[in-house]
Amino acid sequence: MSAATPTPVQPNPLGGESYRLTLPNTAAAPRIARDFLTSLLHLSRHPGLVDDARLCVTELVTNAHCHTRTPRIGVHVAVNRKRVTVAVSDDGGPVREAFGMLGTATAGPEQEHGRGLALVESLALAWGTGSGGERHPGRTVVWFTLGRPEVTA
């Protein structure tokens, strides 16, 4: 029997603490991600970010669940005194394939779907997309940052 080798966690570039959750791709995944993030934000003294964070993480995890065939959805949360960054990853393929058109102006006023990323964009200080790079080809990552905006003098 061999010993399990822990996977190193990348250091948080923002400083602070880093947390990861891996979810099965089921209809319960958005709720579990929401509850996980809510707990972290209360414990890290960011209760003012809870409502926006819950909406944003729900949108990204729901997109991964509904628009990919990935077996697992990853949620990575980096928390420091001023900001919280959440990244949701899946193995569902390229960004356009996983998240539809990715444009924020694609939904008409009568459509029920297609406004989620516009919502994320309106609530977040910053957001974006990426891939898993050479280590994880095919992986899609969508992230957002919430917190107090930097004051420039």
N, C-alpha and C. Protein backbone atom coordinates (compact mmCIF):
# COMPACT_ATOMS: atom_id res chain seq x y z
N MET A 1 0.85 -1.17 0.00
CA MET A 1 0.00 0.00 0.00
C MET A 1 0.89 1.24 0.00
N SER A 2 0.65 2.15 -0.91
CA SER A 2 1.48 3.34 -0.98
C SER A 2 0.79 4.51 -0.29
N ALA A 3 1.60 5.41 0.22
CA ALA A 3 1.07 6.59 0.90
C ALA A 3 0.57 7.60 -0.13
N ALA A 4 -0.50 8.27 0.19
CA ALA A 4 -1.04 9.30 -0.70
C ALA A 4 -0.12 10.50 -0.67
N THR A 5 0.10 11.08 -1.82
CA THR A 5 0.92 12.28 -1.91
C THR A 5 0.01 13.48 -1.99
N PRO A 6 0.15 14.42 -1.03
CA PRO A 6 -0.72 15.59 -1.09
C PRO A 6 -0.40 16.46 -2.29
N THR A 7 -1.43 17.05 -2.85
CA THR A 7 -1.26 17.98 -3.96
C THR A 7 -0.93 19.35 -3.41
N PRO A 8 0.18 19.94 -3.81
CA PRO A 8 0.51 21.26 -3.27
C PRO A 8 -0.51 22.30 -3.73
N VAL A 9 -0.85 23.18 -2.82
CA VAL A 9 -1.77 24.26 -3.14
C VAL A 9 -0.94 25.47 -3.53
N GLN A 10 -1.30 26.09 -4.65
CA GLN A 10 -0.59 27.28 -5.10
C GLN A 10 -0.72 28.37 -4.05
N PRO A 11 0.35 29.12 -3.79
CA PRO A 11 0.22 30.22 -2.83
C PRO A 11 -0.77 31.26 -3.34
N ASN A 12 -1.46 31.88 -2.43
CA ASN A 12 -2.44 32.91 -2.77
C ASN A 12 -1.67 34.17 -3.15
N PRO A 13 -1.74 34.63 -4.41
CA PRO A 13 -0.99 35.82 -4.82
C PRO A 13 -1.46 37.09 -4.13
N LEU A 14 -2.65 37.05 -3.55
CA LEU A 14 -3.17 38.21 -2.85
C LEU A 14 -2.77 38.22 -1.38
N GLY A 15 -2.11 37.18 -0.91
CA GLY A 15 -1.87 37.02 0.51
C GLY A 15 -3.14 36.49 1.15
N GLY A 16 -3.07 36.11 2.40
CA GLY A 16 -4.26 35.60 3.06
C GLY A 16 -4.35 34.10 2.95
N GLU A 17 -5.56 33.60 2.90
CA GLU A 17 -5.81 32.16 2.93
C GLU A 17 -6.45 31.68 1.64
N SER A 18 -6.25 30.41 1.36
CA SER A 18 -6.76 29.82 0.14
C SER A 18 -7.51 28.53 0.49
N TYR A 19 -8.68 28.33 -0.13
CA TYR A 19 -9.52 27.17 0.13
C TYR A 19 -9.96 26.56 -1.19
N ARG A 20 -10.13 25.23 -1.20
CA ARG A 20 -10.59 24.54 -2.40
C ARG A 20 -11.72 23.57 -2.05
N LEU A 21 -12.66 23.48 -2.97
CA LEU A 21 -13.76 22.53 -2.85
C LEU A 21 -13.93 21.88 -4.21
N THR A 22 -14.03 20.56 -4.23
CA THR A 22 -14.30 19.83 -5.46
C THR A 22 -15.67 19.19 -5.33
N LEU A 23 -16.52 19.47 -6.31
CA LEU A 23 -17.91 19.02 -6.28
C LEU A 23 -18.19 18.07 -7.43
N PRO A 24 -19.05 17.08 -7.21
CA PRO A 24 -19.52 16.30 -8.35
C PRO A 24 -20.45 17.18 -9.18
N ASN A 25 -20.48 16.96 -10.45
CA ASN A 25 -21.32 17.75 -11.34
C ASN A 25 -22.77 17.28 -11.23
N THR A 26 -23.46 17.78 -10.19
CA THR A 26 -24.85 17.43 -9.95
C THR A 26 -25.66 18.71 -9.78
N ALA A 27 -26.96 18.58 -9.76
CA ALA A 27 -27.83 19.74 -9.57
C ALA A 27 -27.62 20.39 -8.20
N ALA A 28 -27.08 19.67 -7.24
CA ALA A 28 -26.83 20.22 -5.90
C ALA A 28 -25.55 21.05 -5.83
N ALA A 29 -24.70 20.99 -6.83
CA ALA A 29 -23.41 21.67 -6.80
C ALA A 29 -23.52 23.18 -6.54
N PRO A 30 -24.42 23.92 -7.20
CA PRO A 30 -24.50 25.35 -6.91
C PRO A 30 -24.84 25.66 -5.45
N ARG A 31 -25.76 24.90 -4.88
CA ARG A 31 -26.13 25.13 -3.48
C ARG A 31 -24.97 24.84 -2.54
N ILE A 32 -24.26 23.77 -2.79
CA ILE A 32 -23.12 23.41 -1.94
C ILE A 32 -22.03 24.47 -2.05
N ALA A 33 -21.74 24.94 -3.26
CA ALA A 33 -20.74 25.99 -3.46
C ALA A 33 -21.16 27.28 -2.74
N ARG A 34 -22.44 27.62 -2.83
CA ARG A 34 -22.97 28.82 -2.15
C ARG A 34 -22.77 28.73 -0.65
N ASP A 35 -23.13 27.58 -0.08
CA ASP A 35 -23.01 27.39 1.36
C ASP A 35 -21.55 27.43 1.81
N PHE A 36 -20.67 26.80 1.04
CA PHE A 36 -19.23 26.81 1.31
C PHE A 36 -18.70 28.24 1.34
N LEU A 37 -19.02 29.00 0.31
CA LEU A 37 -18.54 30.37 0.21
C LEU A 37 -19.13 31.25 1.31
N THR A 38 -20.40 31.07 1.62
CA THR A 38 -21.04 31.84 2.69
C THR A 38 -20.31 31.61 4.02
N SER A 39 -20.02 30.37 4.33
CA SER A 39 -19.30 30.06 5.57
C SER A 39 -17.93 30.72 5.61
N LEU A 40 -17.20 30.62 4.51
CA LEU A 40 -15.87 31.23 4.46
C LEU A 40 -15.93 32.75 4.65
N LEU A 41 -16.90 33.39 4.01
CA LEU A 41 -16.98 34.84 4.10
C LEU A 41 -17.37 35.31 5.51
N HIS A 42 -18.24 34.57 6.16
CA HIS A 42 -18.59 34.93 7.54
C HIS A 42 -17.39 34.72 8.46
N LEU A 43 -16.68 33.62 8.30
CA LEU A 43 -15.52 33.34 9.14
C LEU A 43 -14.37 34.32 8.90
N SER A 44 -14.25 34.80 7.67
CA SER A 44 -13.15 35.71 7.33
C SER A 44 -13.55 37.17 7.49
N ARG A 45 -14.67 37.40 8.10
CA ARG A 45 -15.16 38.76 8.40
C ARG A 45 -15.43 39.59 7.15
N HIS A 46 -16.08 38.96 6.18
CA HIS A 46 -16.54 39.64 4.97
C HIS A 46 -18.04 39.47 4.80
N PRO A 47 -18.84 39.69 5.85
CA PRO A 47 -20.28 39.44 5.71
C PRO A 47 -20.95 40.37 4.70
N GLY A 48 -20.37 41.52 4.43
CA GLY A 48 -20.94 42.44 3.45
C GLY A 48 -20.82 41.96 2.01
N LEU A 49 -19.99 40.95 1.79
CA LEU A 49 -19.79 40.42 0.43
C LEU A 49 -20.63 39.18 0.16
N VAL A 50 -21.30 38.66 1.18
CA VAL A 50 -21.99 37.38 1.08
C VAL A 50 -23.03 37.36 -0.04
N ASP A 51 -23.92 38.33 -0.09
CA ASP A 51 -25.00 38.28 -1.09
C ASP A 51 -24.46 38.30 -2.51
N ASP A 52 -23.52 39.20 -2.80
CA ASP A 52 -22.94 39.27 -4.15
C ASP A 52 -22.16 38.00 -4.48
N ALA A 53 -21.41 37.51 -3.51
CA ALA A 53 -20.61 36.29 -3.74
C ALA A 53 -21.51 35.09 -4.01
N ARG A 54 -22.61 34.98 -3.26
CA ARG A 54 -23.54 33.87 -3.47
C ARG A 54 -24.13 33.90 -4.88
N LEU A 55 -24.52 35.08 -5.34
CA LEU A 55 -25.07 35.19 -6.70
C LEU A 55 -24.04 34.80 -7.75
N CYS A 56 -22.82 35.34 -7.60
CA CYS A 56 -21.79 35.08 -8.61
C CYS A 56 -21.36 33.62 -8.64
N VAL A 57 -21.10 33.02 -7.48
CA VAL A 57 -20.66 31.62 -7.49
C VAL A 57 -21.78 30.70 -7.97
N THR A 58 -23.01 31.03 -7.64
CA THR A 58 -24.14 30.24 -8.15
C THR A 58 -24.17 30.26 -9.66
N GLU A 59 -24.00 31.42 -10.24
CA GLU A 59 -24.01 31.55 -11.69
C GLU A 59 -22.91 30.71 -12.34
N LEU A 60 -21.69 30.82 -11.82
CA LEU A 60 -20.58 30.11 -12.46
C LEU A 60 -20.68 28.60 -12.29
N VAL A 61 -21.08 28.15 -11.11
CA VAL A 61 -21.21 26.70 -10.90
C VAL A 61 -22.40 26.16 -11.70
N THR A 62 -23.48 26.92 -11.78
CA THR A 62 -24.63 26.50 -12.59
C THR A 62 -24.23 26.39 -14.05
N ASN A 63 -23.45 27.35 -14.55
CA ASN A 63 -22.98 27.27 -15.94
C ASN A 63 -22.17 26.00 -16.16
N ALA A 64 -21.26 25.70 -15.25
CA ALA A 64 -20.45 24.49 -15.40
C ALA A 64 -21.34 23.25 -15.38
N HIS A 65 -22.32 23.24 -14.49
CA HIS A 65 -23.22 22.08 -14.40
C HIS A 65 -24.07 21.92 -15.67
N CYS A 66 -24.64 23.01 -16.13
CA CYS A 66 -25.60 22.94 -17.25
C CYS A 66 -24.94 22.85 -18.62
N HIS A 67 -23.75 23.39 -18.76
CA HIS A 67 -23.18 23.53 -20.11
C HIS A 67 -21.93 22.70 -20.34
N THR A 68 -21.58 21.82 -19.40
CA THR A 68 -20.42 20.95 -19.61
C THR A 68 -20.78 19.53 -19.21
N ARG A 69 -19.91 18.63 -19.57
CA ARG A 69 -20.06 17.23 -19.15
C ARG A 69 -18.95 16.86 -18.17
N THR A 70 -18.36 17.86 -17.55
CA THR A 70 -17.28 17.61 -16.61
C THR A 70 -17.78 16.75 -15.44
N PRO A 71 -16.98 15.80 -14.98
CA PRO A 71 -17.41 15.01 -13.83
C PRO A 71 -17.28 15.78 -12.51
N ARG A 72 -16.36 16.75 -12.49
CA ARG A 72 -16.11 17.52 -11.26
C ARG A 72 -16.08 19.01 -11.56
N ILE A 73 -16.53 19.78 -10.58
CA ILE A 73 -16.47 21.24 -10.65
C ILE A 73 -15.61 21.69 -9.47
N GLY A 74 -14.61 22.50 -9.75
CA GLY A 74 -13.72 22.98 -8.70
C GLY A 74 -14.09 24.41 -8.31
N VAL A 75 -14.01 24.69 -7.02
CA VAL A 75 -14.22 26.05 -6.51
C VAL A 75 -12.99 26.38 -5.67
N HIS A 76 -12.27 27.41 -6.07
CA HIS A 76 -11.08 27.85 -5.35
C HIS A 76 -11.35 29.26 -4.85
N VAL A 77 -11.17 29.48 -3.55
CA VAL A 77 -11.45 30.78 -2.94
C VAL A 77 -10.18 31.29 -2.28
N ALA A 78 -9.78 32.51 -2.63
CA ALA A 78 -8.64 33.18 -2.01
C ALA A 78 -9.19 34.38 -1.25
N VAL A 79 -8.88 34.45 0.04
CA VAL A 79 -9.44 35.48 0.91
C VAL A 79 -8.30 36.24 1.59
N ASN A 80 -8.36 37.57 1.56
CA ASN A 80 -7.47 38.37 2.39
C ASN A 80 -8.29 39.45 3.07
N ARG A 81 -7.65 40.40 3.71
CA ARG A 81 -8.38 41.42 4.47
C ARG A 81 -9.31 42.26 3.62
N LYS A 82 -8.94 42.52 2.36
CA LYS A 82 -9.69 43.45 1.52
C LYS A 82 -10.54 42.79 0.45
N ARG A 83 -10.11 41.61 -0.01
CA ARG A 83 -10.75 41.03 -1.19
C ARG A 83 -10.96 39.54 -1.07
N VAL A 84 -11.87 39.09 -1.92
CA VAL A 84 -12.15 37.66 -2.06
C VAL A 84 -12.16 37.37 -3.56
N THR A 85 -11.38 36.38 -3.97
CA THR A 85 -11.39 35.96 -5.37
C THR A 85 -11.85 34.51 -5.41
N VAL A 86 -12.81 34.25 -6.29
CA VAL A 86 -13.37 32.92 -6.44
C VAL A 86 -13.15 32.48 -7.88
N ALA A 87 -12.60 31.28 -8.05
CA ALA A 87 -12.43 30.71 -9.38
C ALA A 87 -13.19 29.40 -9.45
N VAL A 88 -13.95 29.22 -10.51
CA VAL A 88 -14.71 27.98 -10.73
C VAL A 88 -14.11 27.32 -11.96
N SER A 89 -13.76 26.06 -11.83
CA SER A 89 -13.14 25.35 -12.95
C SER A 89 -13.93 24.09 -13.30
N ASP A 90 -13.82 23.72 -14.57
CA ASP A 90 -14.44 22.48 -15.05
C ASP A 90 -13.57 21.93 -16.16
N ASP A 91 -13.79 20.70 -16.51
CA ASP A 91 -13.05 20.05 -17.58
C ASP A 91 -13.91 19.93 -18.83
N GLY A 92 -14.78 20.91 -19.04
CA GLY A 92 -15.77 20.84 -20.09
C GLY A 92 -15.37 21.34 -21.44
N GLY A 93 -14.18 21.86 -21.62
CA GLY A 93 -13.76 22.30 -22.93
C GLY A 93 -13.54 23.79 -23.00
N PRO A 94 -13.39 24.29 -24.21
CA PRO A 94 -13.09 25.71 -24.40
C PRO A 94 -14.17 26.62 -23.80
N VAL A 95 -13.78 27.84 -23.50
CA VAL A 95 -14.67 28.82 -22.87
C VAL A 95 -15.96 28.98 -23.65
N ARG A 96 -15.89 29.18 -24.94
CA ARG A 96 -17.11 29.41 -25.72
C ARG A 96 -18.03 28.19 -25.67
N GLU A 97 -17.45 27.01 -25.68
CA GLU A 97 -18.25 25.79 -25.61
C GLU A 97 -18.88 25.64 -24.22
N ALA A 98 -18.13 25.93 -23.19
CA ALA A 98 -18.62 25.72 -21.83
C ALA A 98 -19.61 26.78 -21.40
N PHE A 99 -19.40 28.00 -21.79
CA PHE A 99 -20.22 29.09 -21.29
C PHE A 99 -20.98 29.83 -22.38
N GLY A 100 -21.27 29.17 -23.45
CA GLY A 100 -22.05 29.81 -24.48
C GLY A 100 -21.26 30.90 -25.17
N MET A 101 -21.89 32.01 -25.46
CA MET A 101 -21.26 33.07 -26.21
C MET A 101 -20.38 33.96 -25.36
N LEU A 102 -20.44 33.88 -24.06
CA LEU A 102 -19.62 34.62 -23.12
C LEU A 102 -19.78 36.13 -23.20
N GLY A 103 -20.49 36.63 -24.17
CA GLY A 103 -20.72 38.07 -24.23
C GLY A 103 -21.75 38.47 -23.19
N THR A 104 -21.66 39.69 -22.68
CA THR A 104 -22.59 40.10 -21.65
C THR A 104 -23.83 40.76 -22.23
N ALA A 105 -23.85 41.00 -23.53
CA ALA A 105 -25.00 41.67 -24.13
C ALA A 105 -25.79 40.74 -25.04
N THR A 106 -25.74 39.43 -24.80
CA THR A 106 -26.39 38.49 -25.69
C THR A 106 -27.85 38.23 -25.35
N ALA A 107 -28.28 38.50 -24.14
CA ALA A 107 -29.65 38.18 -23.74
C ALA A 107 -30.58 39.35 -24.00
N GLY A 108 -31.73 39.04 -24.60
CA GLY A 108 -32.76 40.05 -24.80
C GLY A 108 -33.60 40.18 -23.56
N PRO A 109 -34.43 41.22 -23.49
CA PRO A 109 -35.22 41.46 -22.27
C PRO A 109 -36.22 40.37 -21.94
N GLU A 110 -36.64 39.59 -22.92
CA GLU A 110 -37.63 38.54 -22.67
C GLU A 110 -37.01 37.17 -22.44
N GLN A 111 -35.70 37.04 -22.62
CA GLN A 111 -35.05 35.74 -22.46
C GLN A 111 -34.85 35.40 -20.99
N GLU A 112 -35.02 34.11 -20.67
CA GLU A 112 -34.83 33.65 -19.30
C GLU A 112 -33.38 33.35 -18.99
N HIS A 113 -32.55 33.09 -19.98
CA HIS A 113 -31.16 32.69 -19.77
C HIS A 113 -30.25 33.69 -20.48
N GLY A 114 -28.96 33.68 -20.09
CA GLY A 114 -27.98 34.48 -20.81
C GLY A 114 -27.57 35.76 -20.11
N ARG A 115 -28.05 36.01 -18.90
CA ARG A 115 -27.70 37.24 -18.20
C ARG A 115 -26.71 37.03 -17.06
N GLY A 116 -26.36 35.80 -16.78
CA GLY A 116 -25.55 35.49 -15.61
C GLY A 116 -24.19 36.14 -15.61
N LEU A 117 -23.46 36.08 -16.72
CA LEU A 117 -22.14 36.68 -16.74
C LEU A 117 -22.22 38.20 -16.71
N ALA A 118 -23.31 38.78 -17.23
CA ALA A 118 -23.51 40.22 -17.10
C ALA A 118 -23.72 40.58 -15.64
N LEU A 119 -24.41 39.74 -14.91
CA LEU A 119 -24.60 39.95 -13.48
C LEU A 119 -23.26 39.89 -12.75
N VAL A 120 -22.46 38.87 -13.05
CA VAL A 120 -21.13 38.76 -12.44
C VAL A 120 -20.31 40.01 -12.75
N GLU A 121 -20.33 40.44 -14.00
CA GLU A 121 -19.58 41.63 -14.40
C GLU A 121 -20.04 42.87 -13.62
N SER A 122 -21.34 43.00 -13.39
CA SER A 122 -21.86 44.19 -12.71
C SER A 122 -21.54 44.18 -11.21
N LEU A 123 -21.37 43.03 -10.60
CA LEU A 123 -21.13 42.95 -9.16
C LEU A 123 -19.65 42.91 -8.78
N ALA A 124 -18.83 42.37 -9.66
CA ALA A 124 -17.43 42.13 -9.33
C ALA A 124 -16.55 43.34 -9.60
N LEU A 125 -15.47 43.45 -8.80
CA LEU A 125 -14.44 44.45 -9.08
C LEU A 125 -13.72 44.08 -10.37
N ALA A 126 -13.55 42.77 -10.57
CA ALA A 126 -12.91 42.25 -11.78
C ALA A 126 -13.41 40.82 -11.98
N TRP A 127 -13.35 40.34 -13.21
CA TRP A 127 -13.68 38.96 -13.52
C TRP A 127 -13.01 38.59 -14.82
N GLY A 128 -12.91 37.31 -15.08
CA GLY A 128 -12.28 36.89 -16.33
C GLY A 128 -12.37 35.39 -16.50
N THR A 129 -11.73 34.93 -17.56
CA THR A 129 -11.72 33.52 -17.89
C THR A 129 -10.30 33.09 -18.19
N GLY A 130 -10.08 31.82 -18.10
CA GLY A 130 -8.77 31.27 -18.41
C GLY A 130 -8.89 29.80 -18.72
N SER A 131 -7.75 29.16 -18.82
CA SER A 131 -7.73 27.72 -19.10
C SER A 131 -6.80 27.06 -18.10
N GLY A 132 -6.75 25.76 -18.17
CA GLY A 132 -5.87 25.01 -17.28
C GLY A 132 -4.43 24.97 -17.74
N GLY A 133 -4.15 25.58 -18.87
CA GLY A 133 -2.78 25.61 -19.38
C GLY A 133 -2.30 24.24 -19.80
N GLU A 134 -0.98 24.08 -19.83
CA GLU A 134 -0.38 22.82 -20.28
C GLU A 134 -0.66 21.68 -19.31
N ARG A 135 -0.75 21.99 -18.02
CA ARG A 135 -0.98 20.95 -17.01
C ARG A 135 -2.38 20.36 -17.11
N HIS A 136 -3.36 21.19 -17.46
CA HIS A 136 -4.75 20.75 -17.50
C HIS A 136 -5.41 21.22 -18.79
N PRO A 137 -5.02 20.68 -19.94
CA PRO A 137 -5.63 21.10 -21.19
C PRO A 137 -7.13 20.79 -21.19
N GLY A 138 -7.90 21.68 -21.73
CA GLY A 138 -9.35 21.49 -21.77
C GLY A 138 -10.07 22.06 -20.58
N ARG A 139 -9.34 22.41 -19.53
CA ARG A 139 -9.98 22.96 -18.33
C ARG A 139 -10.35 24.42 -18.57
N THR A 140 -11.54 24.78 -18.13
CA THR A 140 -12.02 26.16 -18.21
C THR A 140 -12.08 26.72 -16.79
N VAL A 141 -11.61 27.94 -16.64
CA VAL A 141 -11.66 28.62 -15.34
C VAL A 141 -12.33 29.97 -15.54
N VAL A 142 -13.33 30.26 -14.72
CA VAL A 142 -13.96 31.58 -14.71
C VAL A 142 -13.84 32.08 -13.28
N TRP A 143 -13.40 33.32 -13.12
CA TRP A 143 -13.14 33.85 -11.78
C TRP A 143 -13.75 35.24 -11.61
N PHE A 144 -13.93 35.63 -10.36
CA PHE A 144 -14.36 36.98 -10.04
C PHE A 144 -13.73 37.40 -8.72
N THR A 145 -13.58 38.72 -8.55
CA THR A 145 -13.05 39.30 -7.32
C THR A 145 -14.06 40.28 -6.78
N LEU A 146 -14.33 40.17 -5.49
CA LEU A 146 -15.21 41.09 -4.78
C LEU A 146 -14.41 41.74 -3.65
N GLY A 147 -14.78 42.95 -3.29
CA GLY A 147 -14.13 43.62 -2.18
C GLY A 147 -14.21 45.12 -2.34
N ARG A 148 -13.44 45.77 -1.52
CA ARG A 148 -13.39 47.23 -1.59
C ARG A 148 -12.49 47.66 -2.74
N PRO A 149 -12.94 48.59 -3.57
CA PRO A 149 -12.07 49.05 -4.66
C PRO A 149 -10.86 49.78 -4.09
N GLU A 150 -9.74 49.67 -4.80
CA GLU A 150 -8.53 50.38 -4.41
C GLU A 150 -8.74 51.88 -4.58
N VAL A 151 -8.27 52.63 -3.59
CA VAL A 151 -8.36 54.09 -3.67
C VAL A 151 -7.05 54.60 -4.24
N THR A 152 -7.13 55.32 -5.34
CA THR A 152 -5.91 55.87 -5.95
C THR A 152 -5.85 57.35 -5.63
N ALA A 153 -4.68 57.79 -5.24
CA ALA A 153 -4.51 59.20 -4.85
C ALA A 153 -4.03 60.04 -6.01
